[in-house]
Amino acid sequence: MTTLRLYTGSDIIAHITTVRAEPNPGGFSLGRVGPVTEGLVAFLGGIAFLVFVAIWIDVAAHDETAVRRASRDATRKAVGEAAGGPDRAAVERLVRERDTLANPFYGGD
């Protein structure tokens, strides 16, 4: 069994006071609770950004029926390709053109 000395309480208070006075060693000072808070802020910011981009890209996003139909169509197409494989003609075209395809953002070898 561990026992605390009588002057340990004042030592703990002195340590906490010292830690609060020190500058933050890295990252943002979001409540000084560590990287968990920074990760949470980054995660929530990222989700908010993705929602903003999704609404900005699709002009018809204000129409709930159009969004639902587009979602169902995309899901139906994805499930169809997963169950039956991709379109054979599209695969053959990609195989034929594989040496001529280029990425406009990559100019290396």
C-alpha atoms as a PDB file:
ATOM      1  CA  MET A   1       0.000   0.000   0.000  1.00  0.00           C
ATOM      2  CA  THR A   2       1.309   3.400  -0.973  1.00  0.00           C
ATOM      3  CA  THR A   3       1.008   6.272   1.437  1.00  0.00           C
ATOM      4  CA  LEU A   4       1.398   9.906   0.575  1.00  0.00           C
ATOM      5  CA  ARG A   5       3.600  12.124   2.639  1.00  0.00           C
ATOM      6  CA  LEU A   6       2.035  15.202   4.205  1.00  0.00           C
ATOM      7  CA  TYR A   7       3.892  17.655   2.006  1.00  0.00           C
ATOM      8  CA  THR A   8       3.021  15.798  -1.218  1.00  0.00           C
ATOM      9  CA  GLY A   9      -0.166  17.814  -1.684  1.00  0.00           C
ATOM     10  CA  SER A  10       1.727  21.092  -1.863  1.00  0.00           C
ATOM     11  CA  ASP A  11       4.256  19.456  -4.222  1.00  0.00           C
ATOM     12  CA  ILE A  12       1.422  18.432  -6.551  1.00  0.00           C
ATOM     13  CA  ILE A  13      -0.051  21.943  -6.480  1.00  0.00           C
ATOM     14  CA  ALA A  14       3.384  23.429  -7.206  1.00  0.00           C
ATOM     15  CA  HIS A  15       3.830  21.041 -10.146  1.00  0.00           C
ATOM     16  CA  ILE A  16       0.417  21.897 -11.621  1.00  0.00           C
ATOM     17  CA  THR A  17       1.132  25.605 -11.243  1.00  0.00           C
ATOM     18  CA  THR A  18       4.488  25.174 -12.981  1.00  0.00           C
ATOM     19  CA  VAL A  19       2.978  23.151 -15.832  1.00  0.00           C
ATOM     20  CA  ARG A  20       0.257  25.743 -16.407  1.00  0.00           C
ATOM     21  CA  ALA A  21       2.844  28.520 -16.570  1.00  0.00           C
ATOM     22  CA  GLU A  22       5.028  26.724 -19.146  1.00  0.00           C
ATOM     23  CA  PRO A  23       4.436  27.381 -22.840  1.00  0.00           C
ATOM     24  CA  ASN A  24       2.645  24.705 -24.812  1.00  0.00           C
ATOM     25  CA  PRO A  25       5.335  22.381 -26.254  1.00  0.00           C
ATOM     26  CA  GLY A  26       3.543  21.813 -29.559  1.00  0.00           C
ATOM     27  CA  GLY A  27       0.292  22.229 -31.384  1.00  0.00           C
ATOM     28  CA  PHE A  28      -2.549  24.487 -30.406  1.00  0.00           C
ATOM     29  CA  SER A  29      -3.524  25.255 -26.824  1.00  0.00           C
ATOM     30  CA  LEU A  30      -7.037  23.888 -27.018  1.00  0.00           C
ATOM     31  CA  GLY A  31      -7.749  23.646 -23.336  1.00  0.00           C
ATOM     32  CA  ARG A  32      -4.300  22.129 -22.700  1.00  0.00           C
ATOM     33  CA  VAL A  33      -5.746  18.633 -22.646  1.00  0.00           C
ATOM     34  CA  GLY A  34      -3.406  17.227 -25.256  1.00  0.00           C
ATOM     35  CA  PRO A  35      -3.569  15.858 -28.772  1.00  0.00           C
ATOM     36  CA  VAL A  36      -7.026  14.326 -28.335  1.00  0.00           C
ATOM     37  CA  THR A  37      -8.660  17.743 -28.498  1.00  0.00           C
ATOM     38  CA  GLU A  38      -6.577  18.743 -31.510  1.00  0.00           C
ATOM     39  CA  GLY A  39      -7.558  15.522 -33.286  1.00  0.00           C
ATOM     40  CA  LEU A  40     -11.222  16.046 -32.487  1.00  0.00           C
ATOM     41  CA  VAL A  41     -11.143  19.619 -33.783  1.00  0.00           C
ATOM     42  CA  ALA A  42      -9.384  18.472 -36.979  1.00  0.00           C
ATOM     43  CA  PHE A  43     -11.868  15.607 -37.458  1.00  0.00           C
ATOM     44  CA  LEU A  44     -14.946  17.781 -36.972  1.00  0.00           C
ATOM     45  CA  GLY A  45     -13.465  20.482 -39.198  1.00  0.00           C
ATOM     46  CA  GLY A  46     -12.787  17.902 -41.897  1.00  0.00           C
ATOM     47  CA  ILE A  47     -16.321  16.533 -41.731  1.00  0.00           C
ATOM     48  CA  ALA A  48     -17.768  20.044 -41.924  1.00  0.00           C
ATOM     49  CA  PHE A  49     -15.551  20.778 -44.929  1.00  0.00           C
ATOM     50  CA  LEU A  50     -16.685  17.590 -46.703  1.00  0.00           C
ATOM     51  CA  VAL A  51     -20.349  18.436 -46.115  1.00  0.00           C
ATOM     52  CA  PHE A  52     -19.771  21.945 -47.445  1.00  0.00           C
ATOM     53  CA  VAL A  53     -18.023  20.611 -50.565  1.00  0.00           C
ATOM     54  CA  ALA A  54     -20.730  17.992 -51.161  1.00  0.00           C
ATOM     55  CA  ILE A  55     -23.434  20.641 -51.042  1.00  0.00           C
ATOM     56  CA  TRP A  56     -21.400  23.091 -53.106  1.00  0.00           C
ATOM     57  CA  ILE A  57     -20.648  20.549 -55.855  1.00  0.00           C
ATOM     58  CA  ASP A  58     -24.233  19.378 -56.328  1.00  0.00           C
ATOM     59  CA  VAL A  59     -26.418  22.359 -57.108  1.00  0.00           C
ATOM     60  CA  ALA A  60     -29.538  20.222 -56.712  1.00  0.00           C
ATOM     61  CA  ALA A  61     -28.554  19.248 -53.162  1.00  0.00           C
ATOM     62  CA  HIS A  62     -31.349  21.422 -51.811  1.00  0.00           C
ATOM     63  CA  ASP A  63     -33.819  19.063 -53.490  1.00  0.00           C
ATOM     64  CA  GLU A  64     -34.025  16.089 -51.122  1.00  0.00           C
ATOM     65  CA  THR A  65     -35.808  13.922 -53.686  1.00  0.00           C
ATOM     66  CA  ALA A  66     -33.088  14.470 -56.295  1.00  0.00           C
ATOM     67  CA  VAL A  67     -30.379  13.685 -53.751  1.00  0.00           C
ATOM     68  CA  ARG A  68     -32.179  10.490 -52.705  1.00  0.00           C
ATOM     69  CA  ARG A  69     -32.632   9.386 -56.328  1.00  0.00           C
ATOM     70  CA  ALA A  70     -28.990  10.101 -57.170  1.00  0.00           C
ATOM     71  CA  SER A  71     -27.884   8.166 -54.095  1.00  0.00           C
ATOM     72  CA  ARG A  72     -30.097   5.192 -55.003  1.00  0.00           C
ATOM     73  CA  ASP A  73     -28.892   5.206 -58.619  1.00  0.00           C
ATOM     74  CA  ALA A  74     -25.251   5.299 -57.559  1.00  0.00           C
ATOM     75  CA  THR A  75     -25.796   2.535 -55.012  1.00  0.00           C
ATOM     76  CA  ARG A  76     -27.687   0.396 -57.531  1.00  0.00           C
ATOM     77  CA  LYS A  77     -24.868   0.821 -60.074  1.00  0.00           C
ATOM     78  CA  ALA A  78     -22.165   0.007 -57.495  1.00  0.00           C
ATOM     79  CA  VAL A  79     -23.996  -3.102 -56.269  1.00  0.00           C
ATOM     80  CA  GLY A  80     -24.539  -4.209 -59.869  1.00  0.00           C
ATOM     81  CA  GLU A  81     -20.842  -3.872 -60.670  1.00  0.00           C
ATOM     82  CA  ALA A  82     -19.880  -5.636 -57.454  1.00  0.00           C
ATOM     83  CA  ALA A  83     -22.242  -8.543 -58.150  1.00  0.00           C
ATOM     84  CA  GLY A  84     -21.771  -8.896 -61.897  1.00  0.00           C
ATOM     85  CA  GLY A  85     -18.383  -7.338 -62.458  1.00  0.00           C
ATOM     86  CA  PRO A  86     -17.560  -4.173 -64.357  1.00  0.00           C
ATOM     87  CA  ASP A  87     -18.775  -3.448 -67.866  1.00  0.00           C
ATOM     88  CA  ARG A  88     -16.759  -5.732 -70.159  1.00  0.00           C
ATOM     89  CA  ALA A  89     -16.596  -3.198 -73.008  1.00  0.00           C
ATOM     90  CA  ALA A  90     -15.223  -0.523 -70.672  1.00  0.00           C
ATOM     91  CA  VAL A  91     -12.569  -2.909 -69.342  1.00  0.00           C
ATOM     92  CA  GLU A  92     -11.502  -3.904 -72.860  1.00  0.00           C
ATOM     93  CA  ARG A  93     -11.302  -0.236 -73.890  1.00  0.00           C
ATOM     94  CA  LEU A  94      -9.103   0.562 -70.877  1.00  0.00           C
ATOM     95  CA  VAL A  95      -6.819  -2.385 -71.669  1.00  0.00           C
ATOM     96  CA  ARG A  96      -6.469  -1.229 -75.294  1.00  0.00           C
ATOM     97  CA  GLU A  97      -5.764   2.385 -74.281  1.00  0.00           C
ATOM     98  CA  ARG A  98      -3.631   1.706 -71.189  1.00  0.00           C
ATOM     99  CA  ASP A  99      -0.420   2.942 -72.825  1.00  0.00           C
ATOM    100  CA  THR A 100      -1.983   6.150 -74.106  1.00  0.00           C
ATOM    101  CA  LEU A 101      -3.697   7.197 -70.883  1.00  0.00           C
ATOM    102  CA  ALA A 102      -1.993  10.104 -69.130  1.00  0.00           C
ATOM    103  CA  ASN A 103      -2.426  11.940 -65.881  1.00  0.00           C
ATOM    104  CA  PRO A 104      -2.577  15.696 -66.491  1.00  0.00           C
ATOM    105  CA  PHE A 105      -1.068  16.358 -63.054  1.00  0.00           C
ATOM    106  CA  TYR A 106       1.919  14.036 -63.438  1.00  0.00           C
ATOM    107  CA  GLY A 107       4.585  14.633 -66.048  1.00  0.00           C
ATOM    108  CA  GLY A 108       7.239  12.174 -64.810  1.00  0.00           C
ATOM    109  CA  ASP A 109       8.275   8.813 -66.177  1.00  0.00           C
END
